[in-house]
Amino acid sequence: MPNTSLGLDAGSHRFPLMTEQQEAQFRNFHRVHPHVYEQLKTLALRLKNVGVQSYGMKALFEILRFNALLSVDNNFELNNNYAPLYARLLMKQEEELQGFFKIRTLR
Protein backbone atom coordinates (compact mmCIF):
# COMPACT_ATOMS: atom_id res chain seq x y z
CA MET A 1 0.00 0.00 0.00
CA PRO A 2 1.44 3.41 -0.93
CA ASN A 3 2.49 5.81 1.78
CA THR A 4 1.75 9.44 0.91
CA SER A 5 3.86 11.28 3.49
CA LEU A 6 7.57 11.77 2.96
CA GLY A 7 7.92 13.20 6.45
CA LEU A 8 11.20 15.04 5.96
CA ASP A 9 9.84 17.89 8.04
CA ALA A 10 7.21 16.31 10.27
CA GLY A 11 5.11 15.15 7.32
CA SER A 12 5.14 18.48 5.48
CA HIS A 13 6.24 16.90 2.18
CA ARG A 14 3.97 14.47 0.43
CA PHE A 15 4.79 12.37 -2.60
CA PRO A 16 2.05 10.11 -3.94
CA LEU A 17 2.56 6.44 -4.57
CA MET A 18 5.71 5.91 -2.50
CA THR A 19 5.98 2.75 -0.47
CA GLU A 20 7.06 3.07 3.13
CA GLN A 21 10.35 1.38 2.24
CA GLN A 22 11.06 3.82 -0.61
CA GLU A 23 10.24 6.74 1.64
CA ALA A 24 12.51 5.44 4.40
CA GLN A 25 15.39 4.86 1.98
CA PHE A 26 15.10 8.35 0.53
CA ARG A 27 14.75 10.00 3.94
CA ASN A 28 17.85 8.17 5.15
CA PHE A 29 19.88 9.13 2.08
CA HIS A 30 18.74 12.75 2.35
CA ARG A 31 19.67 12.85 6.04
CA VAL A 32 23.10 11.26 5.56
CA HIS A 33 23.95 13.27 2.41
CA PRO A 34 22.54 16.80 2.85
CA HIS A 35 25.20 18.08 0.44
CA VAL A 36 23.34 16.40 -2.44
CA TYR A 37 20.30 18.65 -1.93
CA GLU A 38 22.52 21.72 -1.63
CA GLN A 39 24.50 20.87 -4.76
CA LEU A 40 21.34 20.19 -6.75
CA LYS A 41 19.85 23.47 -5.53
CA THR A 42 23.01 25.39 -6.49
CA LEU A 43 23.09 23.87 -9.98
CA ALA A 44 19.39 24.50 -10.58
CA LEU A 45 19.59 28.10 -9.39
CA ARG A 46 22.63 28.75 -11.58
CA LEU A 47 20.69 27.47 -14.58
CA LYS A 48 17.65 29.54 -13.63
CA ASN A 49 19.81 32.65 -13.22
CA VAL A 50 21.13 32.37 -16.79
CA GLY A 51 17.62 32.13 -18.21
CA VAL A 52 16.93 28.40 -18.36
CA GLN A 53 13.17 27.94 -17.89
CA SER A 54 13.14 24.22 -17.07
CA TYR A 55 15.61 21.36 -16.79
CA GLY A 56 15.79 17.65 -16.06
CA MET A 57 16.83 16.40 -12.64
CA LYS A 58 18.57 13.34 -14.10
CA ALA A 59 20.90 15.65 -16.01
CA LEU A 60 21.80 17.31 -12.71
CA PHE A 61 22.40 13.87 -11.19
CA GLU A 62 24.92 13.17 -13.96
CA ILE A 63 26.68 16.46 -13.23
CA LEU A 64 27.00 15.46 -9.55
CA ARG A 65 28.39 12.07 -10.56
CA PHE A 66 30.88 13.71 -12.93
CA ASN A 67 32.01 16.17 -10.25
CA ALA A 68 32.42 13.33 -7.75
CA LEU A 69 34.74 11.52 -10.15
CA LEU A 70 36.80 14.67 -10.66
CA SER A 71 37.16 15.03 -6.90
CA VAL A 72 38.26 11.37 -6.68
CA ASP A 73 35.14 10.35 -4.76
CA ASN A 74 34.77 6.89 -6.30
CA ASN A 75 32.39 5.83 -3.53
CA PHE A 76 29.70 8.39 -4.42
CA GLU A 77 26.47 6.67 -5.38
CA LEU A 78 23.26 8.39 -6.36
CA ASN A 79 20.17 6.27 -6.92
CA ASN A 80 18.26 7.33 -10.05
CA ASN A 81 15.02 6.60 -8.19
CA TYR A 82 15.72 9.68 -6.06
CA ALA A 83 15.70 12.07 -9.04
CA PRO A 84 11.94 12.68 -9.09
CA LEU A 85 11.92 13.00 -5.30
CA TYR A 86 14.66 15.62 -5.27
CA ALA A 87 12.92 17.49 -8.12
CA ARG A 88 9.69 17.65 -6.14
CA LEU A 89 11.45 18.49 -2.89
CA LEU A 90 13.40 21.36 -4.45
CA MET A 91 10.28 22.77 -6.11
CA LYS A 92 8.42 22.64 -2.78
CA GLN A 93 11.17 24.12 -0.65
CA GLU A 94 12.73 26.66 -3.02
CA GLU A 95 10.22 29.23 -4.22
CA GLU A 96 12.34 30.33 -7.17
CA LEU A 97 12.44 26.72 -8.45
CA GLN A 98 8.69 26.11 -8.47
CA GLY A 99 7.82 24.51 -11.81
CA PHE A 100 11.48 24.34 -12.89
CA PHE A 101 11.67 20.56 -13.26
CA LYS A 102 9.58 18.50 -15.61
CA ILE A 103 7.92 15.80 -13.54
CA ARG A 104 5.74 12.80 -14.17
CA THR A 105 3.39 10.89 -11.92
CA LEU A 106 5.40 8.66 -9.57
CA ARG A 107 4.88 4.93 -10.00
PDB file of N, CA and C in Angstrom:
ATOM      1  N   MET A   1       0.835  -1.188   0.000  1.00  0.00           N
ATOM      2  CA  MET A   1       0.000   0.000   0.000  1.00  0.00           C
ATOM      3  C   MET A   1       0.879   1.250   0.000  1.00  0.00           C
ATOM      4  N   PRO A   2       0.620   2.207  -0.865  1.00  0.00           N
ATOM      5  CA  PRO A   2       1.435   3.410  -0.929  1.00  0.00           C
ATOM      6  C   PRO A   2       1.331   4.248   0.331  1.00  0.00           C
ATOM      7  N   ASN A   3       2.431   4.883   0.658  1.00  0.00           N
ATOM      8  CA  ASN A   3       2.490   5.806   1.777  1.00  0.00           C
ATOM      9  C   ASN A   3       2.606   7.201   1.170  1.00  0.00           C
ATOM     10  N   THR A   4       1.752   8.138   1.563  1.00  0.00           N
ATOM     11  CA  THR A   4       1.747   9.440   0.915  1.00  0.00           C
ATOM     12  C   THR A   4       2.496  10.517   1.669  1.00  0.00           C
ATOM     13  N   SER A   5       3.142  10.217   2.802  1.00  0.00           N
ATOM     14  CA  SER A   5       3.864  11.281   3.492  1.00  0.00           C
ATOM     15  C   SER A   5       5.356  10.996   3.495  1.00  0.00           C
ATOM     16  N   LEU A   6       6.120  11.930   2.948  1.00  0.00           N
ATOM     17  CA  LEU A   6       7.571  11.772   2.956  1.00  0.00           C
ATOM     18  C   LEU A   6       8.113  12.038   4.348  1.00  0.00           C
ATOM     19  N   GLY A   7       7.554  12.977   5.060  1.00  0.00           N
ATOM     20  CA  GLY A   7       7.922  13.202   6.452  1.00  0.00           C
ATOM     21  C   GLY A   7       9.301  13.765   6.688  1.00  0.00           C
ATOM     22  N   LEU A   8       9.894  14.454   5.717  1.00  0.00           N
ATOM     23  CA  LEU A   8      11.202  15.041   5.958  1.00  0.00           C
ATOM     24  C   LEU A   8      11.126  16.115   7.023  1.00  0.00           C
ATOM     25  N   ASP A   9      10.061  16.876   7.018  1.00  0.00           N
ATOM     26  CA  ASP A   9       9.837  17.886   8.041  1.00  0.00           C
ATOM     27  C   ASP A   9       8.475  17.621   8.675  1.00  0.00           C
ATOM     28  N   ALA A  10       8.432  16.657   9.540  1.00  0.00           N
ATOM     29  CA  ALA A  10       7.207  16.313  10.266  1.00  0.00           C
ATOM     30  C   ALA A  10       6.004  16.155   9.338  1.00  0.00           C
ATOM     31  N   GLY A  11       6.210  15.450   8.222  1.00  0.00           N
ATOM     32  CA  GLY A  11       5.106  15.145   7.320  1.00  0.00           C
ATOM     33  C   GLY A  11       4.702  16.287   6.406  1.00  0.00           C
ATOM     34  N   SER A  12       5.532  17.330   6.290  1.00  0.00           N
ATOM     35  CA  SER A  12       5.141  18.478   5.479  1.00  0.00           C
ATOM     36  C   SER A  12       5.306  18.230   3.980  1.00  0.00           C
ATOM     37  N   HIS A  13       6.041  17.207   3.593  1.00  0.00           N
ATOM     38  CA  HIS A  13       6.238  16.905   2.179  1.00  0.00           C
ATOM     39  C   HIS A  13       5.499  15.621   1.858  1.00  0.00           C
ATOM     40  N   ARG A  14       4.758  15.638   0.781  1.00  0.00           N
ATOM     41  CA  ARG A  14       3.970  14.465   0.428  1.00  0.00           C
ATOM     42  C   ARG A  14       4.200  14.121  -1.035  1.00  0.00           C
ATOM     43  N   PHE A  15       4.575  12.866  -1.259  1.00  0.00           N
ATOM     44  CA  PHE A  15       4.788  12.373  -2.602  1.00  0.00           C
ATOM     45  C   PHE A  15       3.900  11.157  -2.804  1.00  0.00           C
ATOM     46  N   PRO A  16       2.972  11.224  -3.746  1.00  0.00           N
ATOM     47  CA  PRO A  16       2.045  10.110  -3.936  1.00  0.00           C
ATOM     48  C   PRO A  16       2.735   8.846  -4.437  1.00  0.00           C
ATOM     49  N   LEU A  17       2.183   7.755  -4.070  1.00  0.00           N
ATOM     50  CA  LEU A  17       2.558   6.439  -4.567  1.00  0.00           C
ATOM     51  C   LEU A  17       3.939   5.944  -4.141  1.00  0.00           C
ATOM     52  N   MET A  18       4.458   6.431  -3.041  1.00  0.00           N
ATOM     53  CA  MET A  18       5.714   5.906  -2.502  1.00  0.00           C
ATOM     54  C   MET A  18       5.398   4.832  -1.476  1.00  0.00           C
ATOM     55  N   THR A  19       6.141   3.746  -1.518  1.00  0.00           N
ATOM     56  CA  THR A  19       5.976   2.753  -0.473  1.00  0.00           C
ATOM     57  C   THR A  19       6.704   3.254   0.765  1.00  0.00           C
ATOM     58  N   GLU A  20       6.386   2.690   1.897  1.00  0.00           N
ATOM     59  CA  GLU A  20       7.060   3.073   3.134  1.00  0.00           C
ATOM     60  C   GLU A  20       8.560   2.806   3.036  1.00  0.00           C
ATOM     61  N   GLN A  21       8.932   1.712   2.393  1.00  0.00           N
ATOM     62  CA  GLN A  21      10.350   1.377   2.238  1.00  0.00           C
ATOM     63  C   GLN A  21      11.069   2.411   1.370  1.00  0.00           C
ATOM     64  N   GLN A  22      10.458   2.803   0.263  1.00  0.00           N
ATOM     65  CA  GLN A  22      11.056   3.817  -0.605  1.00  0.00           C
ATOM     66  C   GLN A  22      11.213   5.138   0.138  1.00  0.00           C
ATOM     67  N   GLU A  23      10.188   5.501   0.868  1.00  0.00           N
ATOM     68  CA  GLU A  23      10.240   6.741   1.638  1.00  0.00           C
ATOM     69  C   GLU A  23      11.362   6.691   2.667  1.00  0.00           C
ATOM     70  N   ALA A  24      11.472   5.585   3.368  1.00  0.00           N
ATOM     71  CA  ALA A  24      12.507   5.442   4.398  1.00  0.00           C
ATOM     72  C   ALA A  24      13.905   5.495   3.780  1.00  0.00           C
ATOM     73  N   GLN A  25      14.087   4.844   2.638  1.00  0.00           N
ATOM     74  CA  GLN A  25      15.395   4.861   1.975  1.00  0.00           C
ATOM     75  C   GLN A  25      15.763   6.274   1.531  1.00  0.00           C
ATOM     76  N   PHE A  26      14.819   6.985   0.958  1.00  0.00           N
ATOM     77  CA  PHE A  26      15.099   8.345   0.525  1.00  0.00           C
ATOM     78  C   PHE A  26      15.375   9.258   1.721  1.00  0.00           C
ATOM     79  N   ARG A  27      14.538   9.165   2.748  1.00  0.00           N
ATOM     80  CA  ARG A  27      14.753   9.998   3.945  1.00  0.00           C
ATOM     81  C   ARG A  27      16.130   9.758   4.529  1.00  0.00           C
ATOM     82  N   ASN A  28      16.543   8.504   4.596  1.00  0.00           N
ATOM     83  CA  ASN A  28      17.847   8.172   5.154  1.00  0.00           C
ATOM     84  C   ASN A  28      18.965   8.754   4.285  1.00  0.00           C
ATOM     85  N   PHE A  29      18.862   8.583   2.976  1.00  0.00           N
ATOM     86  CA  PHE A  29      19.880   9.129   2.081  1.00  0.00           C
ATOM     87  C   PHE A  29      19.946  10.645   2.223  1.00  0.00           C
ATOM     88  N   HIS A  30      18.810  11.288   2.243  1.00  0.00           N
ATOM     89  CA  HIS A  30      18.740  12.749   2.348  1.00  0.00           C
ATOM     90  C   HIS A  30      19.353  13.233   3.671  1.00  0.00           C
ATOM     91  N   ARG A  31      19.122  12.498   4.731  1.00  0.00           N
ATOM     92  CA  ARG A  31      19.670  12.852   6.044  1.00  0.00           C
ATOM     93  C   ARG A  31      21.186  12.671   6.087  1.00  0.00           C
ATOM     94  N   VAL A  32      21.673  11.578   5.523  1.00  0.00           N
ATOM     95  CA  VAL A  32      23.102  11.258   5.556  1.00  0.00           C
ATOM     96  C   VAL A  32      23.901  12.102   4.558  1.00  0.00           C
ATOM     97  N   HIS A  33      23.261  12.529   3.475  1.00  0.00           N
ATOM     98  CA  HIS A  33      23.948  13.267   2.409  1.00  0.00           C
ATOM     99  C   HIS A  33      23.275  14.611   2.121  1.00  0.00           C
ATOM    100  N   PRO A  34      23.218  15.513   3.096  1.00  0.00           N
ATOM    101  CA  PRO A  34      22.545  16.800   2.855  1.00  0.00           C
ATOM    102  C   PRO A  34      23.212  17.617   1.755  1.00  0.00           C
ATOM    103  N   HIS A  35      24.484  17.354   1.485  1.00  0.00           N
ATOM    104  CA  HIS A  35      25.198  18.085   0.436  1.00  0.00           C
ATOM    105  C   HIS A  35      24.594  17.834  -0.945  1.00  0.00           C
ATOM    106  N   VAL A  36      23.948  16.697  -1.142  1.00  0.00           N
ATOM    107  CA  VAL A  36      23.342  16.400  -2.441  1.00  0.00           C
ATOM    108  C   VAL A  36      22.241  17.417  -2.733  1.00  0.00           C
ATOM    109  N   TYR A  37      21.366  17.652  -1.767  1.00  0.00           N
ATOM    110  CA  TYR A  37      20.298  18.645  -1.935  1.00  0.00           C
ATOM    111  C   TYR A  37      20.905  20.012  -2.234  1.00  0.00           C
ATOM    112  N   GLU A  38      21.899  20.400  -1.464  1.00  0.00           N
ATOM    113  CA  GLU A  38      22.517  21.718  -1.628  1.00  0.00           C
ATOM    114  C   GLU A  38      23.179  21.857  -2.998  1.00  0.00           C
ATOM    115  N   GLN A  39      23.854  20.822  -3.448  1.00  0.00           N
ATOM    116  CA  GLN A  39      24.501  20.875  -4.762  1.00  0.00           C
ATOM    117  C   GLN A  39      23.471  20.937  -5.881  1.00  0.00           C
ATOM    118  N   LEU A  40      22.395  20.158  -5.750  1.00  0.00           N
ATOM    119  CA  LEU A  40      21.337  20.191  -6.754  1.00  0.00           C
ATOM    120  C   LEU A  40      20.679  21.573  -6.785  1.00  0.00           C
ATOM    121  N   LYS A  41      20.446  22.137  -5.621  1.00  0.00           N
ATOM    122  CA  LYS A  41      19.849  23.474  -5.535  1.00  0.00           C
ATOM    123  C   LYS A  41      20.761  24.508  -6.200  1.00  0.00           C
ATOM    124  N   THR A  42      22.052  24.443  -5.904  1.00  0.00           N
ATOM    125  CA  THR A  42      23.006  25.385  -6.487  1.00  0.00           C
ATOM    126  C   THR A  42      23.025  25.283  -8.003  1.00  0.00           C
ATOM    127  N   LEU A  43      23.084  24.064  -8.525  1.00  0.00           N
ATOM    128  CA  LEU A  43      23.090  23.874  -9.982  1.00  0.00           C
ATOM    129  C   LEU A  43      21.807  24.401 -10.619  1.00  0.00           C
ATOM    130  N   ALA A  44      20.672  24.071 -10.027  1.00  0.00           N
ATOM    131  CA  ALA A  44      19.386  24.495 -10.581  1.00  0.00           C
ATOM    132  C   ALA A  44      19.263  26.018 -10.558  1.00  0.00           C
ATOM    133  N   LEU A  45      19.676  26.644  -9.475  1.00  0.00           N
ATOM    134  CA  LEU A  45      19.586  28.101  -9.393  1.00  0.00           C
ATOM    135  C   LEU A  45      20.535  28.785 -10.372  1.00  0.00           C
ATOM    136  N   ARG A  46      21.697  28.191 -10.587  1.00  0.00           N
ATOM    137  CA  ARG A  46      22.627  28.747 -11.583  1.00  0.00           C
ATOM    138  C   ARG A  46      22.003  28.703 -12.969  1.00  0.00           C
ATOM    139  N   LEU A  47      21.362  27.578 -13.284  1.00  0.00           N
ATOM    140  CA  LEU A  47      20.688  27.467 -14.579  1.00  0.00           C
ATOM    141  C   LEU A  47      19.558  28.490 -14.695  1.00  0.00           C
ATOM    142  N   LYS A  48      18.779  28.593 -13.641  1.00  0.00           N
ATOM    143  CA  LYS A  48      17.654  29.538 -13.631  1.00  0.00           C
ATOM    144  C   LYS A  48      18.158  30.969 -13.814  1.00  0.00           C
ATOM    145  N   ASN A  49      19.262  31.288 -13.165  1.00  0.00           N
ATOM    146  CA  ASN A  49      19.809  32.648 -13.222  1.00  0.00           C
ATOM    147  C   ASN A  49      20.357  33.036 -14.589  1.00  0.00           C
ATOM    148  N   VAL A  50      20.668  32.054 -15.441  1.00  0.00           N
ATOM    149  CA  VAL A  50      21.130  32.374 -16.794  1.00  0.00           C
ATOM    150  C   VAL A  50      19.998  32.249 -17.823  1.00  0.00           C
ATOM    151  N   GLY A  51      18.779  32.099 -17.326  1.00  0.00           N
ATOM    152  CA  GLY A  51      17.619  32.128 -18.212  1.00  0.00           C
ATOM    153  C   GLY A  51      17.014  30.801 -18.589  1.00  0.00           C
ATOM    154  N   VAL A  52      17.523  29.703 -18.066  1.00  0.00           N
ATOM    155  CA  VAL A  52      16.935  28.397 -18.363  1.00  0.00           C
ATOM    156  C   VAL A  52      15.572  28.323 -17.665  1.00  0.00           C
ATOM    157  N   GLN A  53      14.538  27.970 -18.427  1.00  0.00           N
ATOM    158  CA  GLN A  53      13.175  27.937 -17.891  1.00  0.00           C
ATOM    159  C   GLN A  53      12.825  26.624 -17.200  1.00  0.00           C
ATOM    160  N   SER A  54      13.375  25.520 -17.697  1.00  0.00           N
ATOM    161  CA  SER A  54      13.138  24.216 -17.065  1.00  0.00           C
ATOM    162  C   SER A  54      14.305  23.306 -17.423  1.00  0.00           C
ATOM    163  N   TYR A  55      14.471  22.260 -16.597  1.00  0.00           N
ATOM    164  CA  TYR A  55      15.608  21.361 -16.788  1.00  0.00           C
ATOM    165  C   TYR A  55      15.259  20.010 -16.192  1.00  0.00           C
ATOM    166  N   GLY A  56      16.034  19.000 -16.560  1.00  0.00           N
ATOM    167  CA  GLY A  56      15.795  17.655 -16.056  1.00  0.00           C
ATOM    168  C   GLY A  56      16.682  17.322 -14.863  1.00  0.00           C
ATOM    169  N   MET A  57      16.087  16.757 -13.843  1.00  0.00           N
ATOM    170  CA  MET A  57      16.830  16.401 -12.639  1.00  0.00           C
ATOM    171  C   MET A  57      17.878  15.328 -12.930  1.00  0.00           C
ATOM    172  N   LYS A  58      17.582  14.391 -13.817  1.00  0.00           N
ATOM    173  CA  LYS A  58      18.569  13.340 -14.096  1.00  0.00           C
ATOM    174  C   LYS A  58      19.836  13.917 -14.708  1.00  0.00           C
ATOM    175  N   ALA A  59      19.712  14.986 -15.476  1.00  0.00           N
ATOM    176  CA  ALA A  59      20.901  15.647 -16.013  1.00  0.00           C
ATOM    177  C   ALA A  59      21.734  16.227 -14.867  1.00  0.00           C
ATOM    178  N   LEU A  60      21.076  16.792 -13.873  1.00  0.00           N
ATOM    179  CA  LEU A  60      21.802  17.315 -12.712  1.00  0.00           C
ATOM    180  C   LEU A  60      22.454  16.183 -11.925  1.00  0.00           C
ATOM    181  N   PHE A  61      21.799  15.040 -11.846  1.00  0.00           N
ATOM    182  CA  PHE A  61      22.404  13.871 -11.187  1.00  0.00           C
ATOM    183  C   PHE A  61      23.711  13.496 -11.884  1.00  0.00           C
ATOM    184  N   GLU A  62      23.715  13.530 -13.221  1.00  0.00           N
ATOM    185  CA  GLU A  62      24.921  13.168 -13.961  1.00  0.00           C
ATOM    186  C   GLU A  62      26.039  14.182 -13.715  1.00  0.00           C
ATOM    187  N   ILE A  63      25.684  15.446 -13.557  1.00  0.00           N
ATOM    188  CA  ILE A  63      26.684  16.460 -13.229  1.00  0.00           C
ATOM    189  C   ILE A  63      27.289  16.168 -11.856  1.00  0.00           C
ATOM    190  N   LEU A  64      26.471  15.803 -10.888  1.00  0.00           N
ATOM    191  CA  LEU A  64      26.996  15.458  -9.555  1.00  0.00           C
ATOM    192  C   LEU A  64      27.920  14.254  -9.630  1.00  0.00           C
ATOM    193  N   ARG A  65      27.536  13.266 -10.409  1.00  0.00           N
ATOM    194  CA  ARG A  65      28.388  12.074 -10.560  1.00  0.00           C
ATOM    195  C   ARG A  65      29.722  12.442 -11.210  1.00  0.00           C
ATOM    196  N   PHE A  66      29.674  13.262 -12.238  1.00  0.00           N
ATOM    197  CA  PHE A  66      30.882  13.707 -12.930  1.00  0.00           C
ATOM    198  C   PHE A  66      31.795  14.468 -11.964  1.00  0.00           C
ATOM    199  N   ASN A  67      31.217  15.396 -11.206  1.00  0.00           N
ATOM    200  CA  ASN A  67      32.006  16.172 -10.245  1.00  0.00           C
ATOM    201  C   ASN A  67      32.608  15.285  -9.165  1.00  0.00           C
ATOM    202  N   ALA A  68      31.886  14.251  -8.755  1.00  0.00           N
ATOM    203  CA  ALA A  68      32.416  13.329  -7.745  1.00  0.00           C
ATOM    204  C   ALA A  68      33.638  12.590  -8.284  1.00  0.00           C
ATOM    205  N   LEU A  69      33.583  12.195  -9.542  1.00  0.00           N
ATOM    206  CA  LEU A  69      34.736  11.520 -10.147  1.00  0.00           C
ATOM    207  C   LEU A  69      35.936  12.449 -10.232  1.00  0.00           C
ATOM    208  N   LEU A  70      35.710  13.706 -10.569  1.00  0.00           N
ATOM    209  CA  LEU A  70      36.798  14.669 -10.661  1.00  0.00           C
ATOM    210  C   LEU A  70      37.428  14.936  -9.298  1.00  0.00           C
ATOM    211  N   SER A  71      36.628  14.806  -8.246  1.00  0.00           N
ATOM    212  CA  SER A  71      37.156  15.032  -6.901  1.00  0.00           C
ATOM    213  C   SER A  71      37.654  13.728  -6.280  1.00  0.00           C
ATOM    214  N   VAL A  72      37.760  12.688  -7.073  1.00  0.00           N
ATOM    215  CA  VAL A  72      38.263  11.367  -6.681  1.00  0.00           C
ATOM    216  C   VAL A  72      37.383  10.723  -5.605  1.00  0.00           C
ATOM    217  N   ASP A  73      36.076  10.987  -5.674  1.00  0.00           N
ATOM    218  CA  ASP A  73      35.140  10.346  -4.759  1.00  0.00           C
ATOM    219  C   ASP A  73      34.508   9.165  -5.490  1.00  0.00           C
ATOM    220  N   ASN A  74      35.246   8.073  -5.572  1.00  0.00           N
ATOM    221  CA  ASN A  74      34.774   6.894  -6.298  1.00  0.00           C
ATOM    222  C   ASN A  74      33.676   6.145  -5.559  1.00  0.00           C
ATOM    223  N   ASN A  75      33.417   6.498  -4.314  1.00  0.00           N
ATOM    224  CA  ASN A  75      32.391   5.826  -3.527  1.00  0.00           C
ATOM    225  C   ASN A  75      31.038   6.519  -3.606  1.00  0.00           C
ATOM    226  N   PHE A  76      30.954   7.632  -4.327  1.00  0.00           N
ATOM    227  CA  PHE A  76      29.704   8.387  -4.417  1.00  0.00           C
ATOM    228  C   PHE A  76      28.694   7.618  -5.249  1.00  0.00           C
ATOM    229  N   GLU A  77      27.552   7.356  -4.676  1.00  0.00           N
ATOM    230  CA  GLU A  77      26.470   6.672  -5.377  1.00  0.00           C
ATOM    231  C   GLU A  77      25.201   7.482  -5.236  1.00  0.00           C
ATOM    232  N   LEU A  78      24.487   7.619  -6.327  1.00  0.00           N
ATOM    233  CA  LEU A  78      23.258   8.386  -6.360  1.00  0.00           C
ATOM    234  C   LEU A  78      22.212   7.567  -7.100  1.00  0.00           C
ATOM    235  N   ASN A  79      21.214   7.126  -6.377  1.00  0.00           N
ATOM    236  CA  ASN A  79      20.170   6.271  -6.919  1.00  0.00           C
ATOM    237  C   ASN A  79      19.260   7.079  -7.852  1.00  0.00           C
ATOM    238  N   ASN A  80      19.128   6.635  -9.100  1.00  0.00           N
ATOM    239  CA  ASN A  80      18.261   7.335 -10.054  1.00  0.00           C
ATOM    240  C   ASN A  80      16.819   7.456  -9.566  1.00  0.00           C
ATOM    241  N   ASN A  81      16.393   6.543  -8.714  1.00  0.00           N
ATOM    242  CA  ASN A  81      15.023   6.603  -8.187  1.00  0.00           C
ATOM    243  C   ASN A  81      14.793   7.850  -7.347  1.00  0.00           C
ATOM    244  N   TYR A  82      15.857   8.485  -6.886  1.00  0.00           N
ATOM    245  CA  TYR A  82      15.717   9.681  -6.063  1.00  0.00           C
ATOM    246  C   TYR A  82      15.541  10.944  -6.896  1.00  0.00           C
ATOM    247  N   ALA A  83      15.799  10.883  -8.193  1.00  0.00           N
ATOM    248  CA  ALA A  83      15.703  12.073  -9.039  1.00  0.00           C
ATOM    249  C   ALA A  83      14.329  12.742  -8.964  1.00  0.00           C
ATOM    250  N   PRO A  84      13.240  12.003  -9.153  1.00  0.00           N
ATOM    251  CA  PRO A  84      11.940  12.682  -9.086  1.00  0.00           C
ATOM    252  C   PRO A  84      11.626  13.211  -7.683  1.00  0.00           C
ATOM    253  N   LEU A  85      12.171  12.554  -6.675  1.00  0.00           N
ATOM    254  CA  LEU A  85      11.924  13.002  -5.302  1.00  0.00           C
ATOM    255  C   LEU A  85      12.664  14.300  -5.013  1.00  0.00           C
ATOM    256  N   TYR A  86      13.913  14.380  -5.454  1.00  0.00           N
ATOM    257  CA  TYR A  86      14.659  15.625  -5.273  1.00  0.00           C
ATOM    258  C   TYR A  86      14.036  16.752  -6.095  1.00  0.00           C
ATOM    259  N   ALA A  87      13.567  16.457  -7.298  1.00  0.00           N
ATOM    260  CA  ALA A  87      12.923  17.491  -8.117  1.00  0.00           C
ATOM    261  C   ALA A  87      11.717  18.060  -7.383  1.00  0.00           C
ATOM    262  N   ARG A  88      10.882  17.188  -6.854  1.00  0.00           N
ATOM    263  CA  ARG A  88       9.690  17.646  -6.139  1.00  0.00           C
ATOM    264  C   ARG A  88      10.058  18.384  -4.849  1.00  0.00           C
ATOM    265  N   LEU A  89      11.038  17.869  -4.138  1.00  0.00           N
ATOM    266  CA  LEU A  89      11.453  18.493  -2.887  1.00  0.00           C
ATOM    267  C   LEU A  89      12.004  19.897  -3.134  1.00  0.00           C
ATOM    268  N   LEU A  90      12.850  20.040  -4.134  1.00  0.00           N
ATOM    269  CA  LEU A  90      13.395  21.361  -4.451  1.00  0.00           C
ATOM    270  C   LEU A  90      12.298  22.334  -4.868  1.00  0.00           C
ATOM    271  N   MET A  91      11.348  21.874  -5.656  1.00  0.00           N
ATOM    272  CA  MET A  91      10.280  22.766  -6.105  1.00  0.00           C
ATOM    273  C   MET A  91       9.350  23.155  -4.959  1.00  0.00           C
ATOM    274  N   LYS A  92       9.244  22.302  -3.945  1.00  0.00           N
ATOM    275  CA  LYS A  92       8.417  22.639  -2.783  1.00  0.00           C
ATOM    276  C   LYS A  92       9.141  23.578  -1.829  1.00  0.00           C
ATOM    277  N   GLN A  93      10.440  23.363  -1.657  1.00  0.00           N
ATOM    278  CA  GLN A  93      11.168  24.123  -0.646  1.00  0.00           C
ATOM    279  C   GLN A  93      11.799  25.409  -1.169  1.00  0.00           C
ATOM    280  N   GLU A  94      12.045  25.495  -2.458  1.00  0.00           N
ATOM    281  CA  GLU A  94      12.726  26.658  -3.019  1.00  0.00           C
ATOM    282  C   GLU A  94      11.759  27.389  -3.948  1.00  0.00           C
ATOM    283  N   GLU A  95      11.248  28.499  -3.477  1.00  0.00           N
ATOM    284  CA  GLU A  95      10.222  29.233  -4.218  1.00  0.00           C
ATOM    285  C   GLU A  95      10.638  29.550  -5.646  1.00  0.00           C
ATOM    286  N   GLU A  96      11.894  29.944  -5.833  1.00  0.00           N
ATOM    287  CA  GLU A  96      12.344  30.325  -7.169  1.00  0.00           C
ATOM    288  C   GLU A  96      12.472  29.133  -8.121  1.00  0.00           C
ATOM    289  N   LEU A  97      12.361  27.907  -7.601  1.00  0.00           N
ATOM    290  CA  LEU A  97      12.443  26.717  -8.446  1.00  0.00           C
ATOM    291  C   LEU A  97      11.080  26.063  -8.695  1.00  0.00           C
ATOM    292  N   GLN A  98      10.014  26.681  -8.240  1.00  0.00           N
ATOM    293  CA  GLN A  98       8.689  26.110  -8.471  1.00  0.00           C
ATOM    294  C   GLN A  98       8.442  25.987  -9.973  1.00  0.00           C
ATOM    295  N   GLY A  99       8.093  24.781 -10.403  1.00  0.00           N
ATOM    296  CA  GLY A  99       7.817  24.514 -11.807  1.00  0.00           C
ATOM    297  C   GLY A  99       9.047  24.372 -12.688  1.00  0.00           C
ATOM    298  N   PHE A 100      10.236  24.376 -12.112  1.00  0.00           N
ATOM    299  CA  PHE A 100      11.476  24.339 -12.890  1.00  0.00           C
ATOM    300  C   PHE A 100      11.746  22.970 -13.505  1.00  0.00           C
ATOM    301  N   PHE A 101      11.392  21.920 -12.782  1.00  0.00           N
ATOM    302  CA  PHE A 101      11.668  20.565 -13.261  1.00  0.00           C
ATOM    303  C   PHE A 101      10.433  19.962 -13.896  1.00  0.00           C
ATOM    304  N   LYS A 102      10.658  19.236 -14.977  1.00  0.00           N
ATOM    305  CA  LYS A 102       9.583  18.498 -15.609  1.00  0.00           C
ATOM    306  C   LYS A 102       9.391  17.222 -14.802  1.00  0.00           C
ATOM    307  N   ILE A 103       8.166  16.986 -14.375  1.00  0.00           N
ATOM    308  CA  ILE A 103       7.918  15.803 -13.545  1.00  0.00           C
ATOM    309  C   ILE A 103       6.766  14.989 -14.129  1.00  0.00           C
ATOM    310  N   ARG A 104       6.791  13.727 -13.790  1.00  0.00           N
ATOM    311  CA  ARG A 104       5.735  12.804 -14.173  1.00  0.00           C
ATOM    312  C   ARG A 104       5.097  12.269 -12.892  1.00  0.00           C
ATOM    313  N   THR A 105       4.016  11.547 -13.048  1.00  0.00           N
ATOM    314  CA  THR A 105       3.387  10.888 -11.919  1.00  0.00           C
ATOM    315  C   THR A 105       4.315   9.782 -11.427  1.00  0.00           C
ATOM    316  N   LEU A 106       4.560   9.720 -10.131  1.00  0.00           N
ATOM    317  CA  LEU A 106       5.401   8.656  -9.573  1.00  0.00           C
ATOM    318  C   LEU A 106       4.685   7.331  -9.651  1.00  0.00           C
ATOM    319  N   ARG A 107       5.465   6.273  -9.936  1.00  0.00           N
ATOM    320  CA  ARG A 107       4.876   4.935 -10.002  1.00  0.00           C
ATOM    321  C   ARG A 107       5.287   4.131  -8.809  1.00  0.00           C
TER     322      ARG A 107
END
